[in-house]
Amino acid sequence: MSCQETFFQELRERGFRLTPQREMVLSVMHQIEDLATAEEIYARVQTLSASVDISTVYRTLNLLQDFRLVASVDPGDGQCRYELIGAHGSHIHLVCSRCGQVIGADIEPARVFATCVREASGFEVDLGSLSIPGLCRACQAVQDHT
C-alpha cells in the first residue's frame, strides 16, 4: 500500500476528513530529499496554496507521525526536522551534539539493542523515532586535536 493510500485509510478509520491542505503537506513531504523543518515544509506548501497556515502544517505532521508515515528528529537546536519514513528506508538518526548534523544510519544494529531492551524490561523501543546523540567524525577530529 502506498504512503498516500495508508494516510487516506488511517484518516478514514480515525474519523478524520481528507482535506486539500493535508494532501498538499503529504505531497510536499514526498518532494523533500532530506530532513526539513515545519517552516521549510510550510514555505513549500505556500507555493501550492496561500490558504494553508502553519498550524495546519504542524497538525498534519503530527497526524503523519501518529500514523508512522513521518519521523521527526531534534538535532539539539530546539527545531524538529521531519522526513517521510518510506523515502529513505528504515533507519535511525545519529545527531551530532556539537554541530547538529543528522546522519541516517542502518537500523539493523539497533534491532539487536531493541530486542535486548524488550527482553530485559518488557519495553518496546520505537526504532522509527530513535535518535542517538554523539559526535560526528569531523567534530571528533576537532576534539582529538584540542
Protein backbone atom coordinates (compact mmCIF):
# COMPACT_ATOMS: atom_id res chain seq x y z
CA MET A 1 0.00 0.00 0.00
CA SER A 2 1.39 3.42 -0.92
CA CYS A 3 2.04 6.15 1.59
CA GLN A 4 -0.94 8.13 0.31
CA GLU A 5 -3.28 5.13 0.48
CA THR A 6 -2.13 4.42 4.05
CA PHE A 7 -2.69 8.05 5.02
CA PHE A 8 -6.16 8.14 3.46
CA GLN A 9 -7.15 4.84 5.11
CA GLU A 10 -5.85 5.94 8.54
CA LEU A 11 -7.75 9.22 8.26
CA ARG A 12 -11.00 7.41 7.42
CA GLU A 13 -10.55 4.82 10.19
CA ARG A 14 -10.00 7.55 12.78
CA GLY A 15 -12.88 9.70 11.58
CA PHE A 16 -10.79 12.46 10.01
CA ARG A 17 -11.51 14.04 6.66
CA LEU A 18 -9.06 14.14 3.79
CA THR A 19 -8.63 17.84 3.13
CA PRO A 20 -6.75 19.50 0.28
CA GLN A 21 -4.42 21.02 2.88
CA ARG A 22 -3.48 17.59 4.28
CA GLU A 23 -2.93 16.30 0.75
CA MET A 24 -0.63 19.24 -0.01
CA VAL A 25 1.50 18.64 3.10
CA LEU A 26 1.88 14.96 2.21
CA SER A 27 2.70 15.86 -1.39
CA VAL A 28 5.43 18.26 -0.23
CA MET A 29 6.85 15.58 2.08
CA HIS A 30 7.25 13.34 -0.97
CA GLN A 31 9.28 16.07 -2.71
CA ILE A 32 11.74 16.63 0.15
CA GLU A 33 15.03 14.77 -0.22
CA ASP A 34 16.28 15.25 3.32
CA LEU A 35 15.05 16.37 6.72
CA ALA A 36 13.03 19.60 6.77
CA THR A 37 11.65 21.87 9.47
CA ALA A 38 7.93 22.58 9.68
CA GLU A 39 8.69 26.11 8.49
CA GLU A 40 10.50 24.77 5.40
CA ILE A 41 7.58 22.44 4.69
CA TYR A 42 5.18 25.35 5.21
CA ALA A 43 7.14 27.50 2.72
CA ARG A 44 6.83 24.78 0.08
CA VAL A 45 3.12 24.31 0.77
CA GLN A 46 2.66 28.08 0.37
CA THR A 47 3.87 27.79 -3.23
CA LEU A 48 0.91 25.47 -3.84
CA SER A 49 -1.68 27.43 -1.88
CA ALA A 50 -1.53 30.53 0.28
CA SER A 51 -4.65 29.34 2.14
CA VAL A 52 -2.70 26.83 4.27
CA ASP A 53 -1.46 28.18 7.59
CA ILE A 54 1.48 26.96 9.68
CA SER A 55 -0.78 25.41 12.34
CA THR A 56 -2.33 23.16 9.65
CA VAL A 57 1.17 22.03 8.66
CA TYR A 58 2.03 21.20 12.30
CA ARG A 59 -1.27 19.33 12.85
CA THR A 60 -0.79 17.35 9.62
CA LEU A 61 2.79 16.48 10.55
CA ASN A 62 1.54 15.26 13.94
CA LEU A 63 -1.06 13.08 12.21
CA LEU A 64 1.56 11.69 9.84
CA GLN A 65 3.74 10.85 12.84
CA ASP A 66 0.82 9.18 14.62
CA PHE A 67 0.26 7.08 11.50
CA ARG A 68 4.01 6.22 11.42
CA LEU A 69 4.47 7.77 7.98
CA VAL A 70 6.75 10.60 9.13
CA ALA A 71 9.64 10.59 11.60
CA SER A 72 10.97 13.61 13.43
CA VAL A 73 14.33 14.37 14.95
CA ASP A 74 15.55 17.26 17.09
CA PRO A 75 19.24 17.89 16.40
CA GLY A 76 19.55 19.87 19.63
CA ASP A 77 18.61 23.32 18.37
CA GLY A 78 15.01 23.00 19.53
CA GLN A 79 13.64 22.81 16.00
CA CYS A 80 12.36 19.40 14.89
CA ARG A 81 13.11 18.14 11.41
CA TYR A 82 10.72 15.81 9.62
CA GLU A 83 11.14 13.16 6.96
CA LEU A 84 8.89 10.72 5.19
CA ILE A 85 9.77 7.30 6.58
CA GLY A 86 9.46 5.38 3.34
CA ALA A 87 11.65 7.79 1.37
CA HIS A 88 14.99 6.59 2.72
CA GLY A 89 14.06 3.20 4.11
CA SER A 90 14.07 2.38 7.79
CA HIS A 91 16.98 3.96 9.63
CA ILE A 92 17.92 5.59 12.90
CA HIS A 93 19.24 9.10 13.36
CA LEU A 94 22.67 9.91 14.74
CA VAL A 95 22.71 13.51 15.95
CA CYS A 96 26.00 15.37 16.46
CA SER A 97 25.81 17.22 19.76
CA ARG A 98 28.36 19.78 18.60
CA CYS A 99 27.46 20.74 15.01
CA GLY A 100 23.86 19.46 14.83
CA GLN A 101 24.45 17.25 11.79
CA VAL A 102 21.90 14.44 11.48
CA ILE A 103 23.13 11.21 9.91
CA GLY A 104 20.87 8.36 8.84
CA ALA A 105 22.30 5.01 9.97
CA ASP A 106 21.47 1.36 9.36
CA ILE A 107 18.66 0.20 11.62
CA GLU A 108 19.84 -3.42 11.91
CA PRO A 109 22.30 -2.94 14.82
CA ALA A 110 19.57 -1.04 16.66
CA ARG A 111 17.21 -4.01 16.28
CA VAL A 112 19.59 -6.06 18.42
CA PHE A 113 19.55 -3.30 21.04
CA ALA A 114 15.73 -3.10 20.91
CA THR A 115 15.44 -6.87 21.37
CA CYS A 116 17.74 -6.77 24.43
CA VAL A 117 15.72 -3.91 25.95
CA ARG A 118 12.42 -5.74 25.32
CA GLU A 119 13.74 -8.98 26.87
CA ALA A 120 15.24 -7.22 29.89
CA SER A 121 12.45 -4.78 30.69
CA GLY A 122 9.41 -5.56 28.55
CA PHE A 123 9.79 -2.11 26.97
CA GLU A 124 9.21 -1.80 23.22
CA VAL A 125 11.66 0.63 21.59
CA ASP A 126 10.24 2.72 18.72
CA LEU A 127 13.15 2.39 16.30
CA GLY A 128 11.49 4.68 13.76
CA SER A 129 11.83 7.54 16.24
CA LEU A 130 15.25 6.61 17.61
CA SER A 131 17.83 9.40 17.69
CA ILE A 132 21.22 8.87 19.27
CA PRO A 133 23.30 11.86 20.34
CA GLY A 134 27.08 11.83 19.98
CA LEU A 135 29.86 13.37 17.91
CA CYS A 136 30.26 13.09 14.14
CA ARG A 137 33.68 12.23 12.67
CA ALA A 138 34.54 15.86 11.94
CA CYS A 139 33.74 17.01 15.47
CA GLN A 140 35.63 14.04 16.94
CA ALA A 141 38.67 15.06 14.89
CA VAL A 142 38.46 18.63 16.20
CA GLN A 143 38.08 17.35 19.76
CA ASP A 144 41.05 14.97 19.38
CA HIS A 145 43.28 17.86 18.26
CA THR A 146 42.45 20.17 21.16
